[in-house]
Amino acid sequence: MTSLFRFVYNYWIVITLFLLFIITFLSLSPQPSLPDVPGTDKTHHFIAYAALMFGVALRKPKNWLFIALFFCCWSGVIELIQPYVNRYGEWLDLAANVGGLMCGVILANIINWIFPLTSNVNK
């Protein structure tokens, strides 16, 4: 399990940029109808943004709080753009996104507490 966390810790930039691209693409690509997947739309938003924030919060680079603020603002901009690309922007989606960001930070802090990755990164 720690090898997975160490992988995320070491490659957090690549993982974060990939997730940001995927979230942005899926949020702004027009869909005739939402795909039939388990869970609710808000759950998907929550999980996506928790995953987006997890690597950043696990690594905690110098400006990680600014990165979190950027993700929050990016999420809001996506919600504002969605009506122009045949999607629905909702403030509750933004709330789910921010909740996911906070959960990603909390989960990363718990992981860092249980498995302190900073002292044994190169092992």
Protein backbone atom coordinates (compact mmCIF):
# COMPACT_ATOMS: atom_id res chain seq x y z
CA MET A 1 0.00 0.00 0.00
CA THR A 2 2.78 2.43 0.83
CA SER A 3 4.30 1.89 -2.62
CA LEU A 4 1.10 3.26 -4.17
CA PHE A 5 1.23 6.33 -1.93
CA ARG A 6 4.93 6.75 -2.65
CA PHE A 7 4.16 6.61 -6.39
CA VAL A 8 1.55 9.37 -5.99
CA TYR A 9 3.96 11.33 -3.80
CA ASN A 10 6.74 11.15 -6.40
CA TYR A 11 4.64 11.72 -9.55
CA TRP A 12 2.06 14.12 -8.13
CA ILE A 13 2.57 16.75 -10.85
CA VAL A 14 1.94 14.35 -13.74
CA ILE A 15 -1.03 12.75 -11.99
CA THR A 16 -2.53 16.12 -11.08
CA LEU A 17 -2.18 17.59 -14.58
CA PHE A 18 -3.66 14.43 -16.11
CA LEU A 19 -6.65 14.52 -13.75
CA LEU A 20 -7.14 18.26 -14.31
CA PHE A 21 -7.19 17.70 -18.07
CA ILE A 22 -9.63 14.77 -17.81
CA ILE A 23 -11.97 16.64 -15.43
CA THR A 24 -11.94 19.73 -17.66
CA PHE A 25 -12.52 17.72 -20.83
CA LEU A 26 -15.37 15.69 -19.36
CA SER A 27 -16.95 18.78 -17.77
CA LEU A 28 -16.92 20.83 -20.97
CA SER A 29 -17.64 18.23 -23.65
CA PRO A 30 -21.30 18.38 -24.72
CA GLN A 31 -23.30 15.25 -23.97
CA PRO A 32 -26.78 14.42 -25.32
CA SER A 33 -27.43 12.68 -21.99
CA LEU A 34 -25.36 11.73 -19.00
CA PRO A 35 -23.83 8.25 -19.12
CA ASP A 36 -25.45 5.57 -16.99
CA VAL A 37 -22.93 5.08 -14.18
CA PRO A 38 -23.51 4.25 -10.52
CA GLY A 39 -23.83 7.14 -8.10
CA THR A 40 -25.11 10.66 -8.43
CA ASP A 41 -23.66 13.59 -10.35
CA LYS A 42 -22.61 15.27 -7.09
CA THR A 43 -20.83 12.09 -5.96
CA HIS A 44 -18.85 12.05 -9.21
CA HIS A 45 -17.87 15.70 -8.72
CA PHE A 46 -16.84 15.02 -5.13
CA ILE A 47 -14.69 12.00 -6.01
CA ALA A 48 -13.07 13.68 -9.03
CA TYR A 49 -11.96 16.74 -7.08
CA ALA A 50 -10.86 14.69 -4.07
CA ALA A 51 -8.64 12.67 -6.40
CA LEU A 52 -7.39 15.88 -8.03
CA MET A 53 -6.37 17.37 -4.69
CA PHE A 54 -5.02 14.19 -3.09
CA GLY A 55 -1.61 14.14 -4.79
CA VAL A 56 -1.01 17.83 -4.17
CA ALA A 57 -2.00 17.54 -0.51
CA LEU A 58 0.05 14.38 -0.08
CA ARG A 59 3.20 16.05 -1.41
CA LYS A 60 2.42 19.53 -0.01
CA PRO A 61 4.65 21.62 -2.29
CA LYS A 62 5.49 25.13 -1.13
CA ASN A 63 2.41 26.75 -2.72
CA TRP A 64 -0.07 23.92 -2.21
CA LEU A 65 -2.76 26.18 -0.73
CA PHE A 66 -2.62 28.38 -3.82
CA ILE A 67 -2.98 25.26 -5.96
CA ALA A 68 -6.08 24.32 -3.94
CA LEU A 69 -7.48 27.84 -4.43
CA PHE A 70 -6.75 27.55 -8.16
CA PHE A 71 -8.66 24.25 -8.32
CA CYS A 72 -11.59 25.88 -6.54
CA CYS A 73 -11.61 28.82 -8.95
CA TRP A 74 -11.12 26.50 -11.96
CA SER A 75 -14.12 24.51 -10.81
CA GLY A 76 -16.21 27.68 -10.60
CA VAL A 77 -15.13 28.81 -14.06
CA ILE A 78 -16.08 25.42 -15.49
CA GLU A 79 -19.54 25.74 -13.93
CA LEU A 80 -19.90 29.21 -15.50
CA ILE A 81 -18.80 27.98 -18.95
CA GLN A 82 -20.94 24.83 -19.03
CA PRO A 83 -24.19 26.52 -20.18
CA TYR A 84 -22.31 27.76 -23.28
CA VAL A 85 -21.29 24.23 -24.30
CA ASN A 86 -24.73 22.64 -23.99
CA ARG A 87 -24.23 21.54 -20.38
CA TYR A 88 -25.77 22.64 -17.09
CA GLY A 89 -23.74 24.64 -14.61
CA GLU A 90 -24.90 24.21 -11.02
CA TRP A 91 -23.76 25.84 -7.82
CA LEU A 92 -24.28 22.53 -6.01
CA ASP A 93 -21.70 21.00 -8.35
CA LEU A 94 -19.27 23.67 -7.21
CA ALA A 95 -20.10 22.84 -3.58
CA ALA A 96 -19.46 19.14 -4.26
CA ASN A 97 -16.16 20.06 -5.94
CA VAL A 98 -15.00 22.15 -2.98
CA GLY A 99 -16.09 19.40 -0.59
CA GLY A 100 -14.04 16.94 -2.64
CA LEU A 101 -11.00 19.23 -2.50
CA MET A 102 -11.30 19.41 1.29
CA CYS A 103 -11.74 15.64 1.55
CA GLY A 104 -8.62 15.14 -0.60
CA VAL A 105 -6.63 17.29 1.85
CA ILE A 106 -8.02 15.47 4.88
CA LEU A 107 -7.36 12.05 3.37
CA ALA A 108 -3.80 13.02 2.40
CA ASN A 109 -3.15 14.29 5.93
CA ILE A 110 -4.38 11.00 7.38
CA ILE A 111 -2.17 9.04 4.96
CA ASN A 112 0.84 11.22 5.83
CA TRP A 113 0.15 10.64 9.52
CA ILE A 114 -0.14 6.85 9.17
CA PHE A 115 2.59 6.41 6.51
CA PRO A 116 5.06 9.30 6.83
CA LEU A 117 6.28 9.46 3.23
CA THR A 118 8.56 12.48 3.56
CA SER A 119 11.23 10.62 5.52
CA ASN A 120 11.44 7.55 3.27
CA VAL A 121 10.72 8.79 -0.27
CA ASN A 122 13.79 7.21 -1.87
CA LYS A 123 13.34 3.74 -0.38
